[in-house]
C-alpha cells in the first residue's frame, strides 16, 4: 500500500494530507476552490479538528472544494472525516486506487480494504438476522455463538479500517 494517504496522527492530534501537516494560516480562493497551502516547518498552523473546522467554514463561502498541496477534497469529505475520527478515534484514507479501494474526494473510504469490509458487513447482517430468529426459537446457545462471531467480525472491520 502506498504512503499517499489522508491520516489522523494521534501523537500530534492532527491530520496529514499526504504529508502536509501544517498550513500557512491563509485560505485563498481560486476558481471556486479554497486553497490551503503548506508552510515552513515550525511556522505553520497544525491541521487539527478545529483548524479543519475553520477551513470548512471559509470554504463554504466560496465553493465546495478544498485544495491541499497534493490532493483535493470536498467540504463534505472533511465533515465526514471529522465525524469518523470523533466516532472511531482514528482515520486513514488512501489516495491511490487499488482493486479493493477507490478514493472518493466527496466521501471518505477509510482504510485500504473497503471491499473486504463491505463483505464482512453483509455477513454481519445475515448473522444478525439468523440470531434474531434463533432468539425467537429460544436457541440460546446458537444466539450466543452467533453474537460472538458478529463481535469478532466487527473487530476485524475496525482493524481493517485503520490498517496502513
N, C-alpha and C. Protein backbone atom coordinates (compact mmCIF):
# COMPACT_ATOMS: atom_id res chain seq x y z
N UNK A 1 0.86 -1.18 0.00
CA UNK A 1 0.00 0.00 0.00
C UNK A 1 0.90 1.24 0.00
N UNK A 2 0.54 2.17 -0.73
CA UNK A 2 1.30 3.41 -0.86
C UNK A 2 1.17 4.27 0.39
N UNK A 3 2.10 5.20 0.54
CA UNK A 3 2.05 6.14 1.66
C UNK A 3 1.15 7.32 1.35
N UNK A 4 0.63 7.40 0.14
CA UNK A 4 -0.25 8.51 -0.23
C UNK A 4 -1.58 8.35 0.48
N UNK A 5 -1.76 9.12 1.57
CA UNK A 5 -2.97 8.94 2.38
C UNK A 5 -3.31 10.20 3.15
N UNK A 6 -4.56 10.27 3.54
CA UNK A 6 -5.02 11.28 4.48
C UNK A 6 -5.18 10.54 5.80
N UNK A 7 -4.45 10.98 6.82
CA UNK A 7 -4.47 10.26 8.09
C UNK A 7 -4.64 11.22 9.27
N UNK A 8 -5.10 10.66 10.39
CA UNK A 8 -5.11 11.37 11.65
C UNK A 8 -3.99 10.78 12.49
N UNK A 9 -3.12 11.65 12.99
CA UNK A 9 -1.99 11.20 13.78
C UNK A 9 -2.27 11.49 15.25
N UNK A 10 -2.52 10.42 16.01
CA UNK A 10 -2.88 10.57 17.42
C UNK A 10 -1.79 11.26 18.23
N UNK A 11 -0.55 10.99 17.90
CA UNK A 11 0.56 11.55 18.67
C UNK A 11 0.56 13.08 18.63
N UNK A 12 0.32 13.65 17.46
CA UNK A 12 0.31 15.10 17.32
C UNK A 12 -1.10 15.69 17.35
N UNK A 13 -2.11 14.81 17.41
CA UNK A 13 -3.51 15.22 17.42
C UNK A 13 -3.84 16.10 16.21
N UNK A 14 -3.31 15.71 15.05
CA UNK A 14 -3.54 16.50 13.83
C UNK A 14 -3.62 15.58 12.62
N UNK A 15 -4.08 16.16 11.53
CA UNK A 15 -4.25 15.42 10.28
C UNK A 15 -3.05 15.65 9.37
N UNK A 16 -2.84 14.67 8.51
CA UNK A 16 -1.82 14.78 7.48
C UNK A 16 -2.49 14.50 6.14
N UNK A 17 -2.40 15.45 5.24
CA UNK A 17 -2.95 15.29 3.90
C UNK A 17 -1.80 14.96 2.97
N UNK A 18 -1.51 13.68 2.85
CA UNK A 18 -0.40 13.18 2.02
C UNK A 18 0.91 13.89 2.39
N UNK A 19 1.16 14.00 3.67
CA UNK A 19 2.39 14.61 4.16
C UNK A 19 2.25 16.05 4.60
N UNK A 20 1.22 16.76 4.16
CA UNK A 20 1.01 18.15 4.58
C UNK A 20 0.36 18.16 5.95
N UNK A 21 1.13 18.59 6.96
CA UNK A 21 0.65 18.58 8.34
C UNK A 21 0.31 19.98 8.86
N UNK A 22 0.71 21.01 8.12
CA UNK A 22 0.50 22.38 8.56
C UNK A 22 0.08 23.23 7.36
N UNK A 23 -0.46 24.39 7.66
CA UNK A 23 -0.70 25.34 6.58
C UNK A 23 -0.36 26.73 7.08
N UNK A 24 -0.27 27.65 6.14
CA UNK A 24 0.25 28.99 6.47
C UNK A 24 -0.76 29.90 7.15
N UNK A 25 -1.97 29.41 7.42
CA UNK A 25 -2.96 30.22 8.11
C UNK A 25 -3.87 31.00 7.19
N UNK A 26 -3.57 31.00 5.91
CA UNK A 26 -4.37 31.73 4.93
C UNK A 26 -5.10 30.75 4.02
N UNK A 27 -6.40 30.92 3.92
CA UNK A 27 -7.17 30.15 2.96
C UNK A 27 -7.44 31.09 1.79
N UNK A 28 -6.87 30.78 0.63
CA UNK A 28 -7.07 31.61 -0.55
C UNK A 28 -8.10 30.93 -1.45
N UNK A 29 -8.68 31.70 -2.36
CA UNK A 29 -9.71 31.16 -3.23
C UNK A 29 -9.33 31.37 -4.68
N UNK A 30 -9.48 30.30 -5.46
CA UNK A 30 -9.15 30.35 -6.87
C UNK A 30 -10.11 29.42 -7.62
N UNK A 31 -10.80 29.93 -8.60
CA UNK A 31 -11.72 29.15 -9.41
C UNK A 31 -12.77 28.42 -8.57
N UNK A 32 -13.32 29.09 -7.56
CA UNK A 32 -14.36 28.50 -6.73
C UNK A 32 -13.86 27.42 -5.79
N UNK A 33 -12.57 27.42 -5.53
CA UNK A 33 -11.97 26.39 -4.70
C UNK A 33 -11.13 27.04 -3.60
N UNK A 34 -11.28 26.56 -2.38
CA UNK A 34 -10.45 27.04 -1.27
C UNK A 34 -9.09 26.35 -1.36
N UNK A 35 -8.03 27.11 -1.28
CA UNK A 35 -6.68 26.56 -1.37
C UNK A 35 -5.98 26.70 -0.03
N UNK A 36 -5.45 25.58 0.46
CA UNK A 36 -4.77 25.53 1.75
C UNK A 36 -3.32 25.17 1.46
N UNK A 37 -2.44 26.16 1.54
CA UNK A 37 -1.03 25.94 1.21
C UNK A 37 -0.24 25.58 2.46
N UNK A 38 0.75 24.72 2.27
CA UNK A 38 1.61 24.36 3.40
C UNK A 38 2.55 25.50 3.72
N UNK A 39 3.16 25.41 4.88
CA UNK A 39 4.08 26.45 5.30
C UNK A 39 5.39 25.81 5.70
N UNK A 40 6.35 26.67 6.02
CA UNK A 40 7.62 26.16 6.50
C UNK A 40 7.38 25.45 7.84
N UNK A 41 8.16 24.42 8.09
CA UNK A 41 8.04 23.67 9.34
C UNK A 41 8.17 24.65 10.51
N UNK A 42 7.54 24.45 11.60
CA UNK A 42 7.59 25.28 12.82
C UNK A 42 6.91 26.63 12.69
N UNK A 43 6.52 27.06 11.49
CA UNK A 43 5.89 28.37 11.35
C UNK A 43 4.43 28.27 10.98
N UNK A 44 3.94 27.06 10.73
CA UNK A 44 2.57 26.89 10.28
C UNK A 44 1.62 26.51 11.39
N UNK A 45 0.37 26.42 11.02
CA UNK A 45 -0.69 26.04 11.93
C UNK A 45 -1.01 24.57 11.67
N UNK A 46 -1.00 23.76 12.73
CA UNK A 46 -1.27 22.33 12.60
C UNK A 46 -2.70 22.11 12.12
N UNK A 47 -2.90 21.08 11.34
CA UNK A 47 -4.22 20.75 10.80
C UNK A 47 -4.98 19.89 11.81
N UNK A 48 -5.49 20.53 12.87
CA UNK A 48 -6.25 19.86 13.92
C UNK A 48 -7.74 19.90 13.59
N UNK A 49 -8.55 19.29 14.45
CA UNK A 49 -10.01 19.32 14.24
C UNK A 49 -10.53 20.75 14.12
N UNK A 50 -10.10 21.62 15.03
CA UNK A 50 -10.61 22.99 15.00
C UNK A 50 -10.12 23.75 13.77
N UNK A 51 -8.89 23.50 13.35
CA UNK A 51 -8.36 24.16 12.15
C UNK A 51 -9.12 23.70 10.91
N UNK A 52 -9.39 22.40 10.84
CA UNK A 52 -10.16 21.87 9.71
C UNK A 52 -11.56 22.50 9.73
N UNK A 53 -12.15 22.67 10.92
CA UNK A 53 -13.45 23.32 11.03
C UNK A 53 -13.43 24.74 10.50
N UNK A 54 -12.37 25.47 10.80
CA UNK A 54 -12.24 26.84 10.29
C UNK A 54 -12.09 26.84 8.76
N UNK A 55 -11.33 25.89 8.25
CA UNK A 55 -11.15 25.78 6.79
C UNK A 55 -12.50 25.47 6.14
N UNK A 56 -13.28 24.59 6.75
CA UNK A 56 -14.61 24.26 6.23
C UNK A 56 -15.48 25.51 6.18
N UNK A 57 -15.48 26.27 7.26
CA UNK A 57 -16.28 27.50 7.32
C UNK A 57 -15.91 28.49 6.24
N UNK A 58 -14.62 28.68 6.02
CA UNK A 58 -14.18 29.61 4.98
C UNK A 58 -14.47 29.06 3.59
N UNK A 59 -14.31 27.75 3.41
CA UNK A 59 -14.54 27.15 2.09
C UNK A 59 -16.00 27.23 1.68
N UNK A 60 -16.91 27.13 2.64
CA UNK A 60 -18.34 27.17 2.32
C UNK A 60 -18.77 28.51 1.73
N UNK A 61 -18.00 29.56 2.01
CA UNK A 61 -18.34 30.87 1.49
C UNK A 61 -18.20 30.92 -0.03
N UNK A 62 -17.20 30.26 -0.57
CA UNK A 62 -16.89 30.40 -2.00
C UNK A 62 -17.06 29.14 -2.83
N UNK A 63 -17.26 28.02 -2.25
CA UNK A 63 -17.39 26.80 -3.05
C UNK A 63 -17.43 25.57 -2.19
N UNK A 64 -17.28 24.42 -2.82
CA UNK A 64 -17.37 23.19 -2.06
C UNK A 64 -16.08 22.39 -2.05
N UNK A 65 -15.06 22.82 -2.77
CA UNK A 65 -13.80 22.08 -2.83
C UNK A 65 -12.70 22.76 -2.03
N UNK A 66 -11.83 21.91 -1.44
CA UNK A 66 -10.67 22.41 -0.71
C UNK A 66 -9.44 21.73 -1.30
N UNK A 67 -8.51 22.54 -1.79
CA UNK A 67 -7.29 22.03 -2.41
C UNK A 67 -6.14 22.12 -1.41
N UNK A 68 -5.58 20.96 -1.05
CA UNK A 68 -4.36 20.91 -0.25
C UNK A 68 -3.19 20.80 -1.22
N UNK A 69 -1.97 20.69 -0.73
CA UNK A 69 -0.82 20.66 -1.63
C UNK A 69 -0.90 19.54 -2.66
N UNK A 70 -1.32 18.34 -2.25
CA UNK A 70 -1.28 17.20 -3.17
C UNK A 70 -2.62 16.52 -3.39
N UNK A 71 -3.68 17.02 -2.79
CA UNK A 71 -4.98 16.40 -3.00
C UNK A 71 -6.10 17.43 -2.87
N UNK A 72 -7.22 17.11 -3.48
CA UNK A 72 -8.38 18.00 -3.44
C UNK A 72 -9.56 17.19 -2.93
N UNK A 73 -10.27 17.72 -1.93
CA UNK A 73 -11.44 17.05 -1.37
C UNK A 73 -12.58 18.05 -1.25
N UNK A 74 -13.77 17.55 -1.03
CA UNK A 74 -14.92 18.43 -0.85
C UNK A 74 -15.09 18.77 0.63
N UNK A 75 -15.89 19.78 0.88
CA UNK A 75 -16.24 20.14 2.26
C UNK A 75 -16.93 18.96 2.92
N UNK A 76 -17.80 18.28 2.17
CA UNK A 76 -18.49 17.11 2.71
C UNK A 76 -17.49 16.06 3.18
N UNK A 77 -16.43 15.84 2.39
CA UNK A 77 -15.40 14.88 2.77
C UNK A 77 -14.80 15.24 4.12
N UNK A 78 -14.46 16.53 4.28
CA UNK A 78 -13.84 16.97 5.54
C UNK A 78 -14.79 16.79 6.72
N UNK A 79 -16.07 17.10 6.53
CA UNK A 79 -17.05 16.94 7.60
C UNK A 79 -17.16 15.46 7.99
N UNK A 80 -17.27 14.59 6.98
CA UNK A 80 -17.38 13.15 7.26
C UNK A 80 -16.09 12.61 7.88
N UNK A 81 -14.95 13.14 7.48
CA UNK A 81 -13.67 12.73 8.06
C UNK A 81 -13.63 13.07 9.55
N UNK A 82 -14.03 14.29 9.89
CA UNK A 82 -14.07 14.70 11.30
C UNK A 82 -15.04 13.83 12.09
N UNK A 83 -16.19 13.54 11.50
CA UNK A 83 -17.19 12.70 12.16
C UNK A 83 -16.64 11.29 12.40
N UNK A 84 -16.00 10.72 11.40
CA UNK A 84 -15.44 9.37 11.51
C UNK A 84 -14.37 9.32 12.60
N UNK A 85 -13.50 10.31 12.61
CA UNK A 85 -12.42 10.35 13.60
C UNK A 85 -12.99 10.48 15.01
N UNK A 86 -14.00 11.33 15.19
CA UNK A 86 -14.60 11.52 16.51
C UNK A 86 -15.25 10.23 17.00
N UNK A 87 -15.85 9.50 16.08
CA UNK A 87 -16.55 8.27 16.46
C UNK A 87 -15.59 7.11 16.70
N UNK A 88 -14.53 7.02 15.92
CA UNK A 88 -13.66 5.85 15.94
C UNK A 88 -12.27 6.08 16.51
N UNK A 89 -11.89 7.33 16.74
CA UNK A 89 -10.58 7.60 17.33
C UNK A 89 -9.41 7.45 16.38
N UNK A 90 -9.65 7.52 15.10
CA UNK A 90 -8.57 7.42 14.13
C UNK A 90 -9.13 7.55 12.73
N UNK A 91 -8.23 7.81 11.78
CA UNK A 91 -8.67 7.97 10.39
C UNK A 91 -7.50 7.71 9.46
N UNK A 92 -7.77 6.97 8.39
CA UNK A 92 -6.79 6.75 7.34
C UNK A 92 -7.54 6.46 6.06
N UNK A 93 -7.31 7.24 5.02
CA UNK A 93 -7.93 7.02 3.72
C UNK A 93 -6.84 7.16 2.67
N UNK A 94 -6.64 6.10 1.89
CA UNK A 94 -5.59 6.11 0.88
C UNK A 94 -6.03 6.85 -0.36
N UNK A 95 -5.12 7.62 -0.94
CA UNK A 95 -5.41 8.40 -2.13
C UNK A 95 -5.30 7.56 -3.41
N UNK A 96 -4.60 6.44 -3.33
CA UNK A 96 -4.42 5.59 -4.50
C UNK A 96 -5.62 4.67 -4.69
N UNK A 97 -5.92 4.38 -5.94
CA UNK A 97 -6.95 3.40 -6.24
C UNK A 97 -6.30 2.03 -6.37
N UNK A 98 -6.87 1.05 -5.70
CA UNK A 98 -6.39 -0.33 -5.75
C UNK A 98 -7.58 -1.20 -6.14
N UNK A 99 -7.36 -2.48 -6.37
CA UNK A 99 -8.51 -3.35 -6.67
C UNK A 99 -9.57 -3.35 -5.56
N UNK A 100 -9.17 -3.05 -4.33
CA UNK A 100 -10.09 -3.11 -3.20
C UNK A 100 -10.48 -1.73 -2.65
N UNK A 101 -9.96 -0.68 -3.23
CA UNK A 101 -10.22 0.66 -2.68
C UNK A 101 -10.19 1.69 -3.79
N UNK A 102 -11.20 2.51 -3.86
CA UNK A 102 -11.24 3.61 -4.82
C UNK A 102 -11.41 4.90 -4.04
N UNK A 103 -10.45 5.81 -4.19
CA UNK A 103 -10.51 7.08 -3.47
C UNK A 103 -11.66 7.91 -4.02
N UNK A 104 -12.47 8.46 -3.12
CA UNK A 104 -13.60 9.32 -3.48
C UNK A 104 -13.40 10.65 -2.76
N UNK A 105 -13.19 11.75 -3.49
CA UNK A 105 -12.90 13.02 -2.84
C UNK A 105 -14.14 13.67 -2.23
N UNK A 106 -15.30 13.02 -2.33
CA UNK A 106 -16.52 13.56 -1.73
C UNK A 106 -16.96 12.76 -0.50
N UNK A 107 -16.49 11.52 -0.37
CA UNK A 107 -16.90 10.68 0.74
C UNK A 107 -15.72 9.82 1.19
N UNK A 108 -15.36 9.91 2.46
CA UNK A 108 -14.23 9.10 2.94
C UNK A 108 -14.49 7.60 2.81
N UNK A 109 -13.45 6.88 2.45
CA UNK A 109 -13.47 5.43 2.44
C UNK A 109 -12.28 4.96 3.27
N UNK A 110 -12.39 5.06 4.60
CA UNK A 110 -11.25 4.80 5.47
C UNK A 110 -10.66 3.41 5.30
N UNK A 111 -9.36 3.34 5.40
CA UNK A 111 -8.65 2.08 5.28
C UNK A 111 -8.41 1.71 3.84
N UNK A 112 -7.74 0.60 3.64
CA UNK A 112 -7.42 0.16 2.30
C UNK A 112 -8.13 -1.11 1.90
N UNK A 113 -9.09 -1.55 2.70
CA UNK A 113 -9.75 -2.82 2.48
C UNK A 113 -11.27 -2.66 2.41
N UNK A 114 -11.71 -1.69 1.64
CA UNK A 114 -13.12 -1.35 1.59
C UNK A 114 -13.97 -2.52 1.10
N UNK A 115 -13.51 -3.21 0.08
CA UNK A 115 -14.26 -4.34 -0.45
C UNK A 115 -14.45 -5.43 0.59
N UNK A 116 -13.39 -5.78 1.29
CA UNK A 116 -13.48 -6.80 2.33
C UNK A 116 -14.40 -6.35 3.46
N UNK A 117 -14.31 -5.07 3.82
CA UNK A 117 -15.17 -4.54 4.88
C UNK A 117 -16.64 -4.63 4.47
N UNK A 118 -16.95 -4.33 3.24
CA UNK A 118 -18.34 -4.43 2.77
C UNK A 118 -18.84 -5.87 2.86
N UNK A 119 -18.00 -6.83 2.48
CA UNK A 119 -18.39 -8.24 2.57
C UNK A 119 -18.62 -8.64 4.02
N UNK A 120 -17.76 -8.17 4.91
CA UNK A 120 -17.93 -8.50 6.34
C UNK A 120 -19.21 -7.90 6.88
N UNK A 121 -19.55 -6.67 6.47
CA UNK A 121 -20.80 -6.05 6.93
C UNK A 121 -22.02 -6.83 6.43
N UNK A 122 -21.96 -7.30 5.20
CA UNK A 122 -23.07 -8.11 4.67
C UNK A 122 -23.20 -9.41 5.46
N UNK A 123 -22.06 -10.01 5.80
CA UNK A 123 -22.07 -11.25 6.59
C UNK A 123 -22.64 -10.98 7.98
N UNK A 124 -22.29 -9.85 8.58
CA UNK A 124 -22.82 -9.49 9.89
C UNK A 124 -24.34 -9.33 9.82
N UNK A 125 -24.81 -8.72 8.76
CA UNK A 125 -26.26 -8.53 8.60
C UNK A 125 -26.98 -9.88 8.54
N UNK A 126 -26.43 -10.81 7.77
CA UNK A 126 -27.02 -12.15 7.68
C UNK A 126 -27.00 -12.85 9.05
N UNK A 127 -25.87 -12.77 9.74
CA UNK A 127 -25.76 -13.42 11.05
C UNK A 127 -26.71 -12.78 12.06
N UNK A 128 -26.87 -11.47 11.96
CA UNK A 128 -27.78 -10.78 12.87
C UNK A 128 -29.23 -11.25 12.65
N UNK A 129 -29.61 -11.41 11.40
CA UNK A 129 -30.95 -11.94 11.10
C UNK A 129 -31.11 -13.36 11.63
N UNK A 130 -30.06 -14.17 11.48
CA UNK A 130 -30.11 -15.54 11.99
C UNK A 130 -30.25 -15.55 13.52
N UNK A 131 -29.47 -14.68 14.19
CA UNK A 131 -29.53 -14.61 15.65
C UNK A 131 -30.91 -14.17 16.12
N UNK A 132 -31.52 -13.25 15.38
CA UNK A 132 -32.87 -12.79 15.73
C UNK A 132 -33.85 -13.97 15.67
N UNK A 133 -33.75 -14.77 14.63
CA UNK A 133 -34.62 -15.95 14.51
C UNK A 133 -34.33 -16.97 15.59
N UNK A 134 -33.06 -17.16 15.92
CA UNK A 134 -32.69 -18.11 16.97
C UNK A 134 -33.22 -17.64 18.33
N UNK A 135 -33.23 -16.35 18.55
CA UNK A 135 -33.79 -15.81 19.79
C UNK A 135 -35.28 -16.13 19.89
N UNK A 136 -35.96 -15.96 18.79
CA UNK A 136 -37.40 -16.23 18.77
C UNK A 136 -37.69 -17.71 18.99
N UNK A 137 -36.76 -18.58 18.59
CA UNK A 137 -36.93 -20.02 18.76
C UNK A 137 -36.31 -20.50 20.08
N UNK A 138 -35.85 -19.58 20.88
CA UNK A 138 -35.26 -19.89 22.20
C UNK A 138 -34.05 -20.81 22.10
N UNK A 139 -33.20 -20.57 21.11
CA UNK A 139 -31.95 -21.33 20.93
C UNK A 139 -30.79 -20.50 21.48
N UNK A 140 -30.68 -20.46 22.80
CA UNK A 140 -29.71 -19.55 23.43
C UNK A 140 -28.26 -19.86 23.08
N UNK A 141 -27.92 -21.15 22.90
CA UNK A 141 -26.54 -21.49 22.52
C UNK A 141 -26.21 -20.96 21.13
N UNK A 142 -27.15 -21.09 20.21
CA UNK A 142 -26.96 -20.57 18.85
C UNK A 142 -26.82 -19.05 18.86
N UNK A 143 -27.65 -18.40 19.66
CA UNK A 143 -27.60 -16.94 19.76
C UNK A 143 -26.25 -16.50 20.28
N UNK A 144 -25.79 -17.14 21.35
CA UNK A 144 -24.51 -16.77 21.96
C UNK A 144 -23.35 -16.96 20.98
N UNK A 145 -23.34 -18.09 20.29
CA UNK A 145 -22.26 -18.37 19.33
C UNK A 145 -22.31 -17.37 18.16
N UNK A 146 -23.50 -17.07 17.66
CA UNK A 146 -23.65 -16.14 16.54
C UNK A 146 -23.23 -14.73 16.96
N UNK A 147 -23.64 -14.29 18.14
CA UNK A 147 -23.25 -12.96 18.62
C UNK A 147 -21.75 -12.86 18.83
N UNK A 148 -21.11 -13.94 19.26
CA UNK A 148 -19.64 -13.94 19.39
C UNK A 148 -19.00 -13.77 18.02
N UNK A 149 -19.51 -14.48 17.03
CA UNK A 149 -18.99 -14.36 15.67
C UNK A 149 -19.16 -12.93 15.15
N UNK A 150 -20.31 -12.32 15.42
CA UNK A 150 -20.57 -10.94 14.99
C UNK A 150 -19.56 -9.99 15.65
N UNK A 151 -19.29 -10.19 16.94
CA UNK A 151 -18.30 -9.33 17.63
C UNK A 151 -16.92 -9.47 17.00
N UNK A 152 -16.53 -10.67 16.65
CA UNK A 152 -15.22 -10.90 16.03
C UNK A 152 -15.15 -10.25 14.64
N UNK A 153 -16.23 -10.33 13.88
CA UNK A 153 -16.25 -9.70 12.56
C UNK A 153 -16.17 -8.18 12.68
N UNK A 154 -16.85 -7.60 13.66
CA UNK A 154 -16.78 -6.15 13.87
C UNK A 154 -15.38 -5.73 14.29
N UNK A 155 -14.73 -6.55 15.09
CA UNK A 155 -13.35 -6.26 15.50
C UNK A 155 -12.44 -6.29 14.26
N UNK A 156 -12.67 -7.24 13.38
CA UNK A 156 -11.89 -7.33 12.14
C UNK A 156 -12.10 -6.10 11.27
N UNK A 157 -13.33 -5.61 11.21
CA UNK A 157 -13.62 -4.39 10.45
C UNK A 157 -12.85 -3.22 11.01
N UNK A 158 -12.83 -3.07 12.33
CA UNK A 158 -12.08 -1.96 12.95
C UNK A 158 -10.59 -2.06 12.63
N UNK A 159 -10.07 -3.27 12.65
CA UNK A 159 -8.65 -3.48 12.33
C UNK A 159 -8.36 -3.10 10.88
N UNK A 160 -9.21 -3.53 9.97
CA UNK A 160 -9.00 -3.21 8.56
C UNK A 160 -9.16 -1.73 8.26
N UNK A 161 -10.02 -1.05 8.99
CA UNK A 161 -10.27 0.38 8.75
C UNK A 161 -9.04 1.22 9.02
N UNK A 162 -8.17 0.78 9.93
CA UNK A 162 -7.01 1.59 10.29
C UNK A 162 -5.71 0.95 9.88
N UNK A 163 -5.74 -0.06 9.06
CA UNK A 163 -4.53 -0.76 8.65
C UNK A 163 -3.83 0.05 7.57
N UNK A 164 -2.58 0.38 7.81
CA UNK A 164 -1.79 1.10 6.81
C UNK A 164 -1.07 0.10 5.95
